[in-house]
PDB file of N, CA and C in Angstrom:
ATOM      1  N   MET A   1      55.647  49.135 -15.596  1.00  0.00           N
ATOM      2  CA  MET A   1      54.485  48.273 -15.637  1.00  0.00           C
ATOM      3  C   MET A   1      54.691  47.260 -16.747  1.00  0.00           C
ATOM      4  N   SER A   2      54.090  46.087 -16.606  1.00  0.00           N
ATOM      5  CA  SER A   2      54.243  45.024 -17.592  1.00  0.00           C
ATOM      6  C   SER A   2      52.893  44.514 -18.037  1.00  0.00           C
ATOM      7  N   GLU A   3      52.896  43.928 -19.208  1.00  0.00           N
ATOM      8  CA  GLU A   3      51.683  43.349 -19.760  1.00  0.00           C
ATOM      9  C   GLU A   3      52.097  42.198 -20.661  1.00  0.00           C
ATOM     10  N   ASN A   4      51.321  41.134 -20.690  1.00  0.00           N
ATOM     11  CA  ASN A   4      51.562  40.025 -21.606  1.00  0.00           C
ATOM     12  C   ASN A   4      50.521  40.074 -22.704  1.00  0.00           C
ATOM     13  N   PHE A   5      50.925  39.760 -23.924  1.00  0.00           N
ATOM     14  CA  PHE A   5      49.975  39.633 -25.007  1.00  0.00           C
ATOM     15  C   PHE A   5      50.502  38.616 -25.992  1.00  0.00           C
ATOM     16  N   ASN A   6      49.642  38.155 -26.870  1.00  0.00           N
ATOM     17  CA  ASN A   6      49.942  37.015 -27.720  1.00  0.00           C
ATOM     18  C   ASN A   6      50.106  37.441 -29.172  1.00  0.00           C
ATOM     19  N   ILE A   7      51.162  36.968 -29.813  1.00  0.00           N
ATOM     20  CA  ILE A   7      51.361  37.209 -31.246  1.00  0.00           C
ATOM     21  C   ILE A   7      51.574  35.867 -31.949  1.00  0.00           C
ATOM     22  N   ASN A   8      50.709  34.908 -31.668  1.00  0.00           N
ATOM     23  CA  ASN A   8      50.869  33.547 -32.186  1.00  0.00           C
ATOM     24  C   ASN A   8      51.062  33.473 -33.687  1.00  0.00           C
ATOM     25  N   ASN A   9      50.417  34.327 -34.462  1.00  0.00           N
ATOM     26  CA  ASN A   9      50.505  34.218 -35.915  1.00  0.00           C
ATOM     27  C   ASN A   9      51.926  34.352 -36.424  1.00  0.00           C
ATOM     28  N   SER A  10      52.779  35.079 -35.747  1.00  0.00           N
ATOM     29  CA  SER A  10      54.146  35.248 -36.225  1.00  0.00           C
ATOM     30  C   SER A  10      55.137  34.321 -35.543  1.00  0.00           C
ATOM     31  N   ILE A  11      54.666  33.537 -34.585  1.00  0.00           N
ATOM     32  CA  ILE A  11      55.575  32.675 -33.833  1.00  0.00           C
ATOM     33  C   ILE A  11      55.444  31.207 -34.236  1.00  0.00           C
ATOM     34  N   GLU A  12      54.398  30.842 -34.921  1.00  0.00           N
ATOM     35  CA  GLU A  12      54.156  29.441 -35.246  1.00  0.00           C
ATOM     36  C   GLU A  12      55.355  28.745 -35.887  1.00  0.00           C
ATOM     37  N   ASN A  13      56.100  29.448 -36.728  1.00  0.00           N
ATOM     38  CA  ASN A  13      57.222  28.825 -37.421  1.00  0.00           C
ATOM     39  C   ASN A  13      58.329  28.382 -36.483  1.00  0.00           C
ATOM     40  N   LYS A  14      58.429  28.979 -35.312  1.00  0.00           N
ATOM     41  CA  LYS A  14      59.493  28.636 -34.372  1.00  0.00           C
ATOM     42  C   LYS A  14      58.937  27.944 -33.134  1.00  0.00           C
ATOM     43  N   LYS A  15      57.826  27.269 -33.276  1.00  0.00           N
ATOM     44  CA  LYS A  15      57.127  26.674 -32.158  1.00  0.00           C
ATOM     45  C   LYS A  15      58.006  25.721 -31.351  1.00  0.00           C
ATOM     46  N   GLU A  16      58.702  24.832 -32.016  1.00  0.00           N
ATOM     47  CA  GLU A  16      59.537  23.869 -31.312  1.00  0.00           C
ATOM     48  C   GLU A  16      60.677  24.561 -30.566  1.00  0.00           C
ATOM     49  N   GLU A  17      61.295  25.545 -31.191  1.00  0.00           N
ATOM     50  CA  GLU A  17      62.384  26.286 -30.553  1.00  0.00           C
ATOM     51  C   GLU A  17      61.901  26.974 -29.287  1.00  0.00           C
ATOM     52  N   PHE A  18      60.720  27.598 -29.339  1.00  0.00           N
ATOM     53  CA  PHE A  18      60.192  28.270 -28.171  1.00  0.00           C
ATOM     54  C   PHE A  18      59.806  27.288 -27.082  1.00  0.00           C
ATOM     55  N   THR A  19      59.260  26.152 -27.455  1.00  0.00           N
ATOM     56  CA  THR A  19      58.880  25.163 -26.466  1.00  0.00           C
ATOM     57  C   THR A  19      60.108  24.707 -25.692  1.00  0.00           C
ATOM     58  N   ASN A  20      61.199  24.487 -26.400  1.00  0.00           N
ATOM     59  CA  ASN A  20      62.413  24.021 -25.745  1.00  0.00           C
ATOM     60  C   ASN A  20      63.071  25.093 -24.898  1.00  0.00           C
ATOM     61  N   LYS A  21      63.084  26.336 -25.354  1.00  0.00           N
ATOM     62  CA  LYS A  21      63.827  27.386 -24.667  1.00  0.00           C
ATOM     63  C   LYS A  21      62.975  28.244 -23.749  1.00  0.00           C
ATOM     64  N   ALA A  22      61.781  28.597 -24.171  1.00  0.00           N
ATOM     65  CA  ALA A  22      60.977  29.538 -23.397  1.00  0.00           C
ATOM     66  C   ALA A  22      59.880  28.860 -22.598  1.00  0.00           C
ATOM     67  N   GLY A  23      59.346  27.762 -23.087  1.00  0.00           N
ATOM     68  CA  GLY A  23      58.298  27.060 -22.380  1.00  0.00           C
ATOM     69  C   GLY A  23      56.914  27.640 -22.574  1.00  0.00           C
ATOM     70  N   ASN A  24      56.783  28.899 -22.901  1.00  0.00           N
ATOM     71  CA  ASN A  24      55.488  29.559 -23.077  1.00  0.00           C
ATOM     72  C   ASN A  24      55.360  30.026 -24.516  1.00  0.00           C
ATOM     73  N   ILE A  25      54.812  29.187 -25.347  1.00  0.00           N
ATOM     74  CA  ILE A  25      54.706  29.498 -26.766  1.00  0.00           C
ATOM     75  C   ILE A  25      53.822  30.717 -26.962  1.00  0.00           C
ATOM     76  N   GLY A  26      54.336  31.692 -27.675  1.00  0.00           N
ATOM     77  CA  GLY A  26      53.545  32.856 -28.040  1.00  0.00           C
ATOM     78  C   GLY A  26      53.429  33.920 -26.976  1.00  0.00           C
ATOM     79  N   GLU A  27      53.992  33.707 -25.799  1.00  0.00           N
ATOM     80  CA  GLU A  27      53.874  34.717 -24.754  1.00  0.00           C
ATOM     81  C   GLU A  27      54.961  35.759 -24.914  1.00  0.00           C
ATOM     82  N   LEU A  28      54.535  36.979 -25.063  1.00  0.00           N
ATOM     83  CA  LEU A  28      55.453  38.086 -25.241  1.00  0.00           C
ATOM     84  C   LEU A  28      55.262  39.036 -24.075  1.00  0.00           C
ATOM     85  N   ASN A  29      56.323  39.309 -23.351  1.00  0.00           N
ATOM     86  CA  ASN A  29      56.257  40.222 -22.218  1.00  0.00           C
ATOM     87  C   ASN A  29      56.606  41.627 -22.682  1.00  0.00           C
ATOM     88  N   MET A  30      55.884  42.578 -22.144  1.00  0.00           N
ATOM     89  CA  MET A  30      56.110  43.970 -22.495  1.00  0.00           C
ATOM     90  C   MET A  30      56.296  44.755 -21.204  1.00  0.00           C
ATOM     91  N   SER A  31      57.256  45.658 -21.200  1.00  0.00           N
ATOM     92  CA  SER A  31      57.401  46.559 -20.063  1.00  0.00           C
ATOM     93  C   SER A  31      57.548  47.984 -20.588  1.00  0.00           C
ATOM     94  N   VAL A  32      57.139  48.920 -19.768  1.00  0.00           N
ATOM     95  CA  VAL A  32      57.156  50.333 -20.148  1.00  0.00           C
ATOM     96  C   VAL A  32      57.961  51.087 -19.104  1.00  0.00           C
ATOM     97  N   SER A  33      58.864  51.947 -19.571  1.00  0.00           N
ATOM     98  CA  SER A  33      59.683  52.741 -18.657  1.00  0.00           C
ATOM     99  C   SER A  33      58.886  53.918 -18.119  1.00  0.00           C
ATOM    100  N   ALA A  34      59.490  54.579 -17.167  1.00  0.00           N
ATOM    101  CA  ALA A  34      58.945  55.849 -16.697  1.00  0.00           C
ATOM    102  C   ALA A  34      59.118  56.881 -17.808  1.00  0.00           C
ATOM    103  N   ILE A  35      58.428  57.992 -17.695  1.00  0.00           N
ATOM    104  CA  ILE A  35      58.550  59.068 -18.674  1.00  0.00           C
ATOM    105  C   ILE A  35      59.898  59.752 -18.496  1.00  0.00           C
ATOM    106  N   CYS A  36      60.585  59.960 -19.605  1.00  0.00           N
ATOM    107  CA  CYS A  36      61.879  60.651 -19.633  1.00  0.00           C
ATOM    108  C   CYS A  36      61.708  61.948 -20.421  1.00  0.00           C
ATOM    109  N   SER A  37      62.675  62.832 -20.298  1.00  0.00           N
ATOM    110  CA  SER A  37      62.688  64.078 -21.081  1.00  0.00           C
ATOM    111  C   SER A  37      64.072  64.278 -21.668  1.00  0.00           C
ATOM    112  N   ASN A  38      64.114  64.746 -22.911  1.00  0.00           N
ATOM    113  CA  ASN A  38      65.417  65.044 -23.519  1.00  0.00           C
ATOM    114  C   ASN A  38      65.797  66.495 -23.204  1.00  0.00           C
ATOM    115  N   LYS A  39      66.913  66.968 -23.757  1.00  0.00           N
ATOM    116  CA  LYS A  39      67.425  68.317 -23.471  1.00  0.00           C
ATOM    117  C   LYS A  39      66.450  69.412 -23.875  1.00  0.00           C
ATOM    118  N   GLU A  40      65.643  69.132 -24.903  1.00  0.00           N
ATOM    119  CA  GLU A  40      64.672  70.122 -25.377  1.00  0.00           C
ATOM    120  C   GLU A  40      63.355  70.060 -24.591  1.00  0.00           C
ATOM    121  N   GLY A  41      63.259  69.140 -23.648  1.00  0.00           N
ATOM    122  CA  GLY A  41      62.051  69.006 -22.847  1.00  0.00           C
ATOM    123  C   GLY A  41      61.011  68.070 -23.445  1.00  0.00           C
ATOM    124  N   LYS A  42      61.326  67.436 -24.564  1.00  0.00           N
ATOM    125  CA  LYS A  42      60.385  66.517 -25.194  1.00  0.00           C
ATOM    126  C   LYS A  42      60.300  65.228 -24.368  1.00  0.00           C
ATOM    127  N   LYS A  43      59.074  64.809 -24.083  1.00  0.00           N
ATOM    128  CA  LYS A  43      58.850  63.620 -23.258  1.00  0.00           C
ATOM    129  C   LYS A  43      58.760  62.375 -24.123  1.00  0.00           C
ATOM    130  N   TYR A  44      59.269  61.270 -23.587  1.00  0.00           N
ATOM    131  CA  TYR A  44      59.221  59.981 -24.269  1.00  0.00           C
ATOM    132  C   TYR A  44      59.331  58.868 -23.230  1.00  0.00           C
ATOM    133  N   ALA A  45      59.049  57.656 -23.648  1.00  0.00           N
ATOM    134  CA  ALA A  45      59.204  56.476 -22.792  1.00  0.00           C
ATOM    135  C   ALA A  45      59.610  55.310 -23.672  1.00  0.00           C
ATOM    136  N   TYR A  46      60.247  54.341 -23.052  1.00  0.00           N
ATOM    137  CA  TYR A  46      60.673  53.138 -23.770  1.00  0.00           C
ATOM    138  C   TYR A  46      59.695  52.005 -23.521  1.00  0.00           C
ATOM    139  N   VAL A  47      59.464  51.219 -24.555  1.00  0.00           N
ATOM    140  CA  VAL A  47      58.622  50.034 -24.460  1.00  0.00           C
ATOM    141  C   VAL A  47      59.492  48.849 -24.884  1.00  0.00           C
ATOM    142  N   THR A  48      59.610  47.865 -24.016  1.00  0.00           N
ATOM    143  CA  THR A  48      60.457  46.709 -24.287  1.00  0.00           C
ATOM    144  C   THR A  48      59.587  45.467 -24.446  1.00  0.00           C
ATOM    145  N   PHE A  49      59.882  44.694 -25.483  1.00  0.00           N
ATOM    146  CA  PHE A  49      59.174  43.447 -25.761  1.00  0.00           C
ATOM    147  C   PHE A  49      60.190  42.308 -25.689  1.00  0.00           C
ATOM    148  N   SER A  50      59.818  41.215 -25.012  1.00  0.00           N
ATOM    149  CA  SER A  50      60.722  40.078 -24.917  1.00  0.00           C
ATOM    150  C   SER A  50      59.916  38.792 -24.756  1.00  0.00           C
ATOM    151  N   ASP A  51      60.414  37.735 -25.371  1.00  0.00           N
ATOM    152  CA  ASP A  51      59.798  36.422 -25.190  1.00  0.00           C
ATOM    153  C   ASP A  51      60.764  35.447 -24.537  1.00  0.00           C
ATOM    154  N   GLY A  52      61.817  35.942 -23.948  1.00  0.00           N
ATOM    155  CA  GLY A  52      62.808  35.103 -23.307  1.00  0.00           C
ATOM    156  C   GLY A  52      63.953  34.716 -24.221  1.00  0.00           C
ATOM    157  N   ILE A  53      63.745  34.874 -25.509  1.00  0.00           N
ATOM    158  CA  ILE A  53      64.780  34.558 -26.495  1.00  0.00           C
ATOM    159  C   ILE A  53      65.124  35.817 -27.283  1.00  0.00           C
ATOM    160  N   ARG A  54      64.090  36.486 -27.736  1.00  0.00           N
ATOM    161  CA  ARG A  54      64.268  37.691 -28.555  1.00  0.00           C
ATOM    162  C   ARG A  54      63.835  38.899 -27.741  1.00  0.00           C
ATOM    163  N   ASN A  55      64.349  40.073 -28.109  1.00  0.00           N
ATOM    164  CA  ASN A  55      63.883  41.287 -27.461  1.00  0.00           C
ATOM    165  C   ASN A  55      63.968  42.458 -28.429  1.00  0.00           C
ATOM    166  N   ALA A  56      63.119  43.424 -28.173  1.00  0.00           N
ATOM    167  CA  ALA A  56      63.079  44.635 -28.982  1.00  0.00           C
ATOM    168  C   ALA A  56      62.733  45.799 -28.068  1.00  0.00           C
ATOM    169  N   GLU A  57      63.263  46.962 -28.426  1.00  0.00           N
ATOM    170  CA  GLU A  57      62.980  48.168 -27.657  1.00  0.00           C
ATOM    171  C   GLU A  57      62.418  49.226 -28.591  1.00  0.00           C
ATOM    172  N   GLY A  58      61.314  49.802 -28.173  1.00  0.00           N
ATOM    173  CA  GLY A  58      60.688  50.867 -28.938  1.00  0.00           C
ATOM    174  C   GLY A  58      60.593  52.119 -28.104  1.00  0.00           C
ATOM    175  N   VAL A  59      60.209  53.206 -28.756  1.00  0.00           N
ATOM    176  CA  VAL A  59      60.050  54.473 -28.061  1.00  0.00           C
ATOM    177  C   VAL A  59      58.685  55.059 -28.421  1.00  0.00           C
ATOM    178  N   ILE A  60      58.017  55.598 -27.407  1.00  0.00           N
ATOM    179  CA  ILE A  60      56.763  56.297 -27.629  1.00  0.00           C
ATOM    180  C   ILE A  60      56.971  57.756 -27.274  1.00  0.00           C
ATOM    181  N   PRO A  61      56.318  58.696 -27.898  1.00  0.00           N
ATOM    182  CA  PRO A  61      55.144  58.558 -28.747  1.00  0.00           C
ATOM    183  C   PRO A  61      55.437  58.267 -30.218  1.00  0.00           C
ATOM    184  N   GLU A  62      56.710  58.156 -30.614  1.00  0.00           N
ATOM    185  CA  GLU A  62      57.016  57.901 -32.023  1.00  0.00           C
ATOM    186  C   GLU A  62      56.518  56.534 -32.496  1.00  0.00           C
ATOM    187  N   CYS A  63      56.409  55.587 -31.560  1.00  0.00           N
ATOM    188  CA  CYS A  63      55.940  54.227 -31.868  1.00  0.00           C
ATOM    189  C   CYS A  63      56.841  53.544 -32.897  1.00  0.00           C
ATOM    190  N   THR A  64      58.133  53.659 -32.661  1.00  0.00           N
ATOM    191  CA  THR A  64      59.100  53.003 -33.535  1.00  0.00           C
ATOM    192  C   THR A  64      60.000  52.094 -32.706  1.00  0.00           C
ATOM    193  N   ILE A  65      60.417  51.001 -33.300  1.00  0.00           N
ATOM    194  CA  ILE A  65      61.369  50.090 -32.671  1.00  0.00           C
ATOM    195  C   ILE A  65      62.767  50.592 -33.025  1.00  0.00           C
ATOM    196  N   ASN A  66      63.585  50.839 -32.006  1.00  0.00           N
ATOM    197  CA  ASN A  66      64.934  51.347 -32.263  1.00  0.00           C
ATOM    198  C   ASN A  66      66.028  50.316 -31.984  1.00  0.00           C
ATOM    199  N   LYS A  67      65.689  49.216 -31.310  1.00  0.00           N
ATOM    200  CA  LYS A  67      66.634  48.115 -31.086  1.00  0.00           C
ATOM    201  C   LYS A  67      65.888  46.810 -31.279  1.00  0.00           C
ATOM    202  N   ASN A  68      66.543  45.851 -31.927  1.00  0.00           N
ATOM    203  CA  ASN A  68      65.908  44.567 -32.207  1.00  0.00           C
ATOM    204  C   ASN A  68      66.944  43.458 -32.172  1.00  0.00           C
ATOM    205  N   LYS A  69      66.621  42.406 -31.459  1.00  0.00           N
ATOM    206  CA  LYS A  69      67.469  41.218 -31.444  1.00  0.00           C
ATOM    207  C   LYS A  69      66.571  40.001 -31.643  1.00  0.00           C
ATOM    208  N   GLY A  70      66.452  39.566 -32.895  1.00  0.00           N
ATOM    209  CA  GLY A  70      65.757  38.322 -33.181  1.00  0.00           C
ATOM    210  C   GLY A  70      64.376  38.396 -33.789  1.00  0.00           C
ATOM    211  N   PHE A  71      63.711  39.531 -33.756  1.00  0.00           N
ATOM    212  CA  PHE A  71      62.388  39.633 -34.351  1.00  0.00           C
ATOM    213  C   PHE A  71      62.509  39.852 -35.854  1.00  0.00           C
ATOM    214  N   ALA A  72      61.637  39.218 -36.616  1.00  0.00           N
ATOM    215  CA  ALA A  72      61.592  39.397 -38.068  1.00  0.00           C
ATOM    216  C   ALA A  72      60.994  40.768 -38.395  1.00  0.00           C
ATOM    217  N   ASP A  73      61.257  41.249 -39.598  1.00  0.00           N
ATOM    218  CA  ASP A  73      60.746  42.560 -40.026  1.00  0.00           C
ATOM    219  C   ASP A  73      59.233  42.663 -39.870  1.00  0.00           C
ATOM    220  N   ILE A  74      58.512  41.618 -40.232  1.00  0.00           N
ATOM    221  CA  ILE A  74      57.043  41.637 -40.122  1.00  0.00           C
ATOM    222  C   ILE A  74      56.616  41.739 -38.659  1.00  0.00           C
ATOM    223  N   GLU A  75      57.358  41.104 -37.775  1.00  0.00           N
ATOM    224  CA  GLU A  75      57.037  41.177 -36.348  1.00  0.00           C
ATOM    225  C   GLU A  75      57.308  42.580 -35.805  1.00  0.00           C
ATOM    226  N   ILE A  76      58.371  43.216 -36.279  1.00  0.00           N
ATOM    227  CA  ILE A  76      58.668  44.588 -35.876  1.00  0.00           C
ATOM    228  C   ILE A  76      57.529  45.504 -36.320  1.00  0.00           C
ATOM    229  N   GLN A  77      57.039  45.301 -37.524  1.00  0.00           N
ATOM    230  CA  GLN A  77      55.900  46.089 -38.004  1.00  0.00           C
ATOM    231  C   GLN A  77      54.683  45.878 -37.113  1.00  0.00           C
ATOM    232  N   GLN A  78      54.464  44.637 -36.669  1.00  0.00           N
ATOM    233  CA  GLN A  78      53.335  44.344 -35.787  1.00  0.00           C
ATOM    234  C   GLN A  78      53.508  45.010 -34.425  1.00  0.00           C
ATOM    235  N   LEU A  79      54.727  45.018 -33.900  1.00  0.00           N
ATOM    236  CA  LEU A  79      54.980  45.668 -32.615  1.00  0.00           C
ATOM    237  C   LEU A  79      54.779  47.178 -32.722  1.00  0.00           C
ATOM    238  N   GLU A  80      55.240  47.781 -33.821  1.00  0.00           N
ATOM    239  CA  GLU A  80      55.029  49.213 -34.020  1.00  0.00           C
ATOM    240  C   GLU A  80      53.543  49.530 -34.171  1.00  0.00           C
ATOM    241  N   LYS A  81      52.821  48.671 -34.866  1.00  0.00           N
ATOM    242  CA  LYS A  81      51.373  48.848 -35.015  1.00  0.00           C
ATOM    243  C   LYS A  81      50.697  48.749 -33.651  1.00  0.00           C
ATOM    244  N   TYR A  82      51.131  47.776 -32.848  1.00  0.00           N
ATOM    245  CA  TYR A  82      50.579  47.618 -31.501  1.00  0.00           C
ATOM    246  C   TYR A  82      50.795  48.898 -30.688  1.00  0.00           C
ATOM    247  N   MET A  83      52.004  49.454 -30.750  1.00  0.00           N
ATOM    248  CA  MET A  83      52.282  50.681 -29.997  1.00  0.00           C
ATOM    249  C   MET A  83      51.397  51.825 -30.464  1.00  0.00           C
ATOM    250  N   LYS A  84      51.206  51.965 -31.779  1.00  0.00           N
ATOM    251  CA  LYS A  84      50.361  53.041 -32.311  1.00  0.00           C
ATOM    252  C   LYS A  84      48.918  52.885 -31.856  1.00  0.00           C
ATOM    253  N   GLU A  85      48.411  51.650 -31.956  1.00  0.00           N
ATOM    254  CA  GLU A  85      47.013  51.402 -31.603  1.00  0.00           C
ATOM    255  C   GLU A  85      46.757  51.525 -30.104  1.00  0.00           C
ATOM    256  N   ASN A  86      47.780  51.355 -29.289  1.00  0.00           N
ATOM    257  CA  ASN A  86      47.625  51.377 -27.840  1.00  0.00           C
ATOM    258  C   ASN A  86      48.411  52.515 -27.194  1.00  0.00           C
ATOM    259  N   LEU A  87      48.695  53.554 -27.959  1.00  0.00           N
ATOM    260  CA  LEU A  87      49.529  54.650 -27.481  1.00  0.00           C
ATOM    261  C   LEU A  87      48.973  55.301 -26.220  1.00  0.00           C
ATOM    262  N   ALA A  88      47.685  55.547 -26.183  1.00  0.00           N
ATOM    263  CA  ALA A  88      47.092  56.194 -25.004  1.00  0.00           C
ATOM    264  C   ALA A  88      47.310  55.336 -23.756  1.00  0.00           C
ATOM    265  N   GLN A  89      47.103  54.043 -23.868  1.00  0.00           N
ATOM    266  CA  GLN A  89      47.291  53.149 -22.727  1.00  0.00           C
ATOM    267  C   GLN A  89      48.767  53.067 -22.331  1.00  0.00           C
ATOM    268  N   LEU A  90      49.662  53.028 -23.316  1.00  0.00           N
ATOM    269  CA  LEU A  90      51.099  52.974 -23.031  1.00  0.00           C
ATOM    270  C   LEU A  90      51.556  54.240 -22.317  1.00  0.00           C
ATOM    271  N   LYS A  91      51.017  55.380 -22.724  1.00  0.00           N
ATOM    272  CA  LYS A  91      51.349  56.639 -22.055  1.00  0.00           C
ATOM    273  C   LYS A  91      50.891  56.610 -20.596  1.00  0.00           C
ATOM    274  N   LYS A  92      49.696  56.070 -20.358  1.00  0.00           N
ATOM    275  CA  LYS A  92      49.184  55.959 -18.990  1.00  0.00           C
ATOM    276  C   LYS A  92      50.075  55.036 -18.165  1.00  0.00           C
ATOM    277  N   MET A  93      50.505  53.941 -18.775  1.00  0.00           N
ATOM    278  CA  MET A  93      51.385  53.014 -18.068  1.00  0.00           C
ATOM    279  C   MET A  93      52.696  53.704 -17.706  1.00  0.00           C
ATOM    280  N   ALA A  94      53.275  54.454 -18.646  1.00  0.00           N
ATOM    281  CA  ALA A  94      54.537  55.156 -18.396  1.00  0.00           C
ATOM    282  C   ALA A  94      54.360  56.202 -17.292  1.00  0.00           C
ATOM    283  N   ALA A  95      53.238  56.900 -17.322  1.00  0.00           N
ATOM    284  CA  ALA A  95      52.980  57.915 -16.302  1.00  0.00           C
ATOM    285  C   ALA A  95      52.821  57.288 -14.926  1.00  0.00           C
ATOM    286  N   GLY A  96      52.388  56.038 -14.882  1.00  0.00           N
ATOM    287  CA  GLY A  96      52.173  55.349 -13.609  1.00  0.00           C
ATOM    288  C   GLY A  96      53.414  54.697 -13.036  1.00  0.00           C
ATOM    289  N   VAL A  97      54.521  54.699 -13.765  1.00  0.00           N
ATOM    290  CA  VAL A  97      55.749  54.086 -13.266  1.00  0.00           C
ATOM    291  C   VAL A  97      56.389  55.030 -12.258  1.00  0.00           C
ATOM    292  N   ASP A  98      56.588  54.527 -11.055  1.00  0.00           N
ATOM    293  CA  ASP A  98      57.221  55.311  -9.995  1.00  0.00           C
ATOM    294  C   ASP A  98      58.645  54.800  -9.812  1.00  0.00           C
ATOM    295  N   VAL A  99      59.601  55.524 -10.370  1.00  0.00           N
ATOM    296  CA  VAL A  99      60.999  55.116 -10.336  1.00  0.00           C
ATOM    297  C   VAL A  99      61.497  54.982  -8.903  1.00  0.00           C
ATOM    298  N   PHE A 100      61.093  55.879  -8.038  1.00  0.00           N
ATOM    299  CA  PHE A 100      61.604  55.887  -6.679  1.00  0.00           C
ATOM    300  C   PHE A 100      61.068  54.752  -5.826  1.00  0.00           C
ATOM    301  N   SER A 101      59.922  54.171  -6.207  1.00  0.00           N
ATOM    302  CA  SER A 101      59.389  53.060  -5.424  1.00  0.00           C
ATOM    303  C   SER A 101      60.300  51.847  -5.480  1.00  0.00           C
ATOM    304  N   ALA A 102      61.040  51.694  -6.561  1.00  0.00           N
ATOM    305  CA  ALA A 102      61.989  50.583  -6.667  1.00  0.00           C
ATOM    306  C   ALA A 102      63.089  50.737  -5.622  1.00  0.00           C
ATOM    307  N   PHE A 103      63.516  51.958  -5.370  1.00  0.00           N
ATOM    308  CA  PHE A 103      64.551  52.199  -4.366  1.00  0.00           C
ATOM    309  C   PHE A 103      63.994  51.992  -2.947  1.00  0.00           C
ATOM    310  N   LEU A 104      62.767  52.419  -2.732  1.00  0.00           N
ATOM    311  CA  LEU A 104      62.157  52.255  -1.423  1.00  0.00           C
ATOM    312  C   LEU A 104      61.926  50.794  -1.101  1.00  0.00           C
ATOM    313  N   ALA A 105      61.510  50.008  -2.110  1.00  0.00           N
ATOM    314  CA  ALA A 105      61.266  48.589  -1.908  1.00  0.00           C
ATOM    315  C   ALA A 105      62.557  47.854  -1.570  1.00  0.00           C
ATOM    316  N   SER A 106      63.669  48.274  -2.146  1.00  0.00           N
ATOM    317  CA  SER A 106      64.938  47.601  -1.886  1.00  0.00           C
ATOM    318  C   SER A 106      65.505  47.952  -0.520  1.00  0.00           C
ATOM    319  N   ASP A 107      65.048  49.048   0.081  1.00  0.00           N
ATOM    320  CA  ASP A 107      65.521  49.448   1.402  1.00  0.00           C
ATOM    321  C   ASP A 107      64.871  48.645   2.519  1.00  0.00           C
ATOM    322  N   LYS A 108      63.767  47.995   2.239  1.00  0.00           N
ATOM    323  CA  LYS A 108      63.014  47.270   3.286  1.00  0.00           C
ATOM    324  C   LYS A 108      63.603  45.926   3.554  1.00  0.00           C
TER     325      LYS A 108
END
């Protein structure tokens, strides 16, 4: 599942760069993976943030960013805060991801 949200306060400094490359100033796309399980049975999901230029990957329920390409430290803190504040909704989104529907859609 995907969701768009705005983080304009941290993007203003690169406004011209985003206008030229992304076209949508301040638009950050977020996607959530299906629920996964590790060897110990602990459940988790990945949350990916991208604005077309930069991207970051986080993991829930830990609400930490584990991969980052281009986001400043303050922006990473904001993304982690967003995950913490919206953890219940992110979990619902992950639970609603049907991995097999992607395969069924491609068969049609």
